[in-house]
């Protein structure tokens, strides 16, 4: 279950199905990722989606916030969906451009 977001546009897309804060070309893939993450049974289960290049992060994000133990999933090009898996919940979900 996705319980918290860092990115307001991502939260709006999750709750309302649309947002002006994220380019529409990303919406279909993000919605598929949301659906998959809400059914995630274990932290390692995301590895079943190798096309998303799942991997754990270390250090800090561009905003200076710690991301140790967060997961990163490739959306498109440099764009990534990141989140923290915590006791069955998806927390601190973010959308950023790795550049």
Protein backbone atom coordinates (compact mmCIF):
# COMPACT_ATOMS: atom_id res chain seq x y z
CA UNK A 1 0.00 0.00 0.00
CA UNK A 2 1.31 3.46 -0.88
CA UNK A 3 0.99 5.59 2.25
CA UNK A 4 3.08 8.73 1.65
CA UNK A 5 4.56 10.88 -1.10
CA UNK A 6 7.40 13.38 -1.39
CA UNK A 7 6.29 14.56 -4.85
CA UNK A 8 2.95 16.40 -4.81
CA UNK A 9 2.24 15.73 -8.50
CA UNK A 10 2.80 12.03 -7.97
CA UNK A 11 0.35 12.05 -5.07
CA UNK A 12 -2.21 13.89 -7.19
CA UNK A 13 -1.78 11.37 -10.04
CA UNK A 14 -2.20 8.48 -7.60
CA UNK A 15 -5.32 9.91 -5.94
CA UNK A 16 -7.05 11.66 -8.88
CA UNK A 17 -5.66 9.87 -11.94
CA UNK A 18 -4.27 13.09 -13.44
CA UNK A 19 -2.00 16.02 -12.64
CA UNK A 20 -0.51 19.07 -14.33
CA UNK A 21 2.74 18.61 -12.38
CA UNK A 22 3.93 15.55 -14.37
CA UNK A 23 4.11 15.24 -18.16
CA UNK A 24 1.26 13.09 -19.49
CA UNK A 25 3.66 10.81 -21.36
CA UNK A 26 4.70 9.32 -17.98
CA UNK A 27 1.19 8.72 -16.64
CA UNK A 28 0.50 5.23 -18.10
CA UNK A 29 3.74 3.72 -16.82
CA UNK A 30 3.46 5.42 -13.42
CA UNK A 31 -0.08 4.09 -13.02
CA UNK A 32 1.14 0.54 -13.78
CA UNK A 33 3.91 1.02 -11.22
CA UNK A 34 1.40 2.26 -8.63
CA UNK A 35 -0.75 -0.81 -9.19
CA UNK A 36 2.24 -3.12 -8.87
CA UNK A 37 3.56 -1.40 -5.74
CA UNK A 38 0.20 -1.57 -3.98
CA UNK A 39 0.32 -5.38 -4.39
CA UNK A 40 3.98 -5.78 -3.40
CA UNK A 41 4.28 -8.66 -0.94
CA UNK A 42 7.97 -8.27 -0.12
CA UNK A 43 10.82 -5.88 -0.69
CA UNK A 44 12.53 -8.29 -3.07
CA UNK A 45 9.38 -8.93 -5.14
CA UNK A 46 10.08 -5.81 -7.20
CA UNK A 47 13.07 -7.68 -8.69
CA UNK A 48 10.53 -9.56 -10.84
CA UNK A 49 10.37 -6.42 -13.01
CA UNK A 50 13.88 -6.21 -14.52
CA UNK A 51 12.78 -3.74 -17.23
CA UNK A 52 12.30 -1.17 -14.46
CA UNK A 53 15.97 -1.62 -13.42
CA UNK A 54 15.13 -1.88 -9.69
CA UNK A 55 17.96 -1.12 -7.30
CA UNK A 56 18.50 0.23 -3.80
CA UNK A 57 19.78 3.74 -3.29
CA UNK A 58 22.35 5.12 -0.87
CA UNK A 59 23.23 8.64 0.22
CA UNK A 60 21.01 11.66 -0.48
CA UNK A 61 18.61 12.80 -3.20
CA UNK A 62 19.02 16.12 -5.05
CA UNK A 63 16.95 17.82 -2.32
CA UNK A 64 19.49 16.71 0.31
CA UNK A 65 17.11 14.19 1.90
CA UNK A 66 18.50 10.79 2.92
CA UNK A 67 17.53 7.92 0.61
CA UNK A 68 19.39 5.08 2.27
CA UNK A 69 17.45 1.83 1.72
CA UNK A 70 15.07 3.46 -0.81
CA UNK A 71 14.36 1.68 -4.10
CA UNK A 72 14.62 3.24 -7.55
CA UNK A 73 12.58 2.17 -10.60
CA UNK A 74 13.22 3.40 -14.14
CA UNK A 75 10.24 5.18 -15.65
CA UNK A 76 11.82 6.59 -18.83
CA UNK A 77 15.22 7.97 -19.78
CA UNK A 78 16.61 9.65 -16.66
CA UNK A 79 13.26 9.70 -14.82
CA UNK A 80 12.93 7.47 -11.75
CA UNK A 81 10.23 6.55 -9.26
CA UNK A 82 11.79 6.13 -5.80
CA UNK A 83 10.25 4.84 -2.60
CA UNK A 84 10.97 3.29 0.78
CA UNK A 85 9.52 -0.16 1.52
CA UNK A 86 8.66 -0.28 5.23
CA UNK A 87 6.75 -3.23 6.76
CA UNK A 88 4.56 -3.77 3.71
CA UNK A 89 3.98 -0.07 3.08
CA UNK A 90 5.39 2.15 0.34
CA UNK A 91 6.53 5.46 1.84
CA UNK A 92 8.18 8.70 0.70
CA UNK A 93 7.32 8.02 -2.94
CA UNK A 94 9.13 10.45 -5.24
CA UNK A 95 9.57 11.17 -8.96
CA UNK A 96 12.83 12.70 -10.11
CA UNK A 97 15.14 13.23 -13.05
CA UNK A 98 18.55 11.63 -12.51
CA UNK A 99 20.87 13.80 -14.53
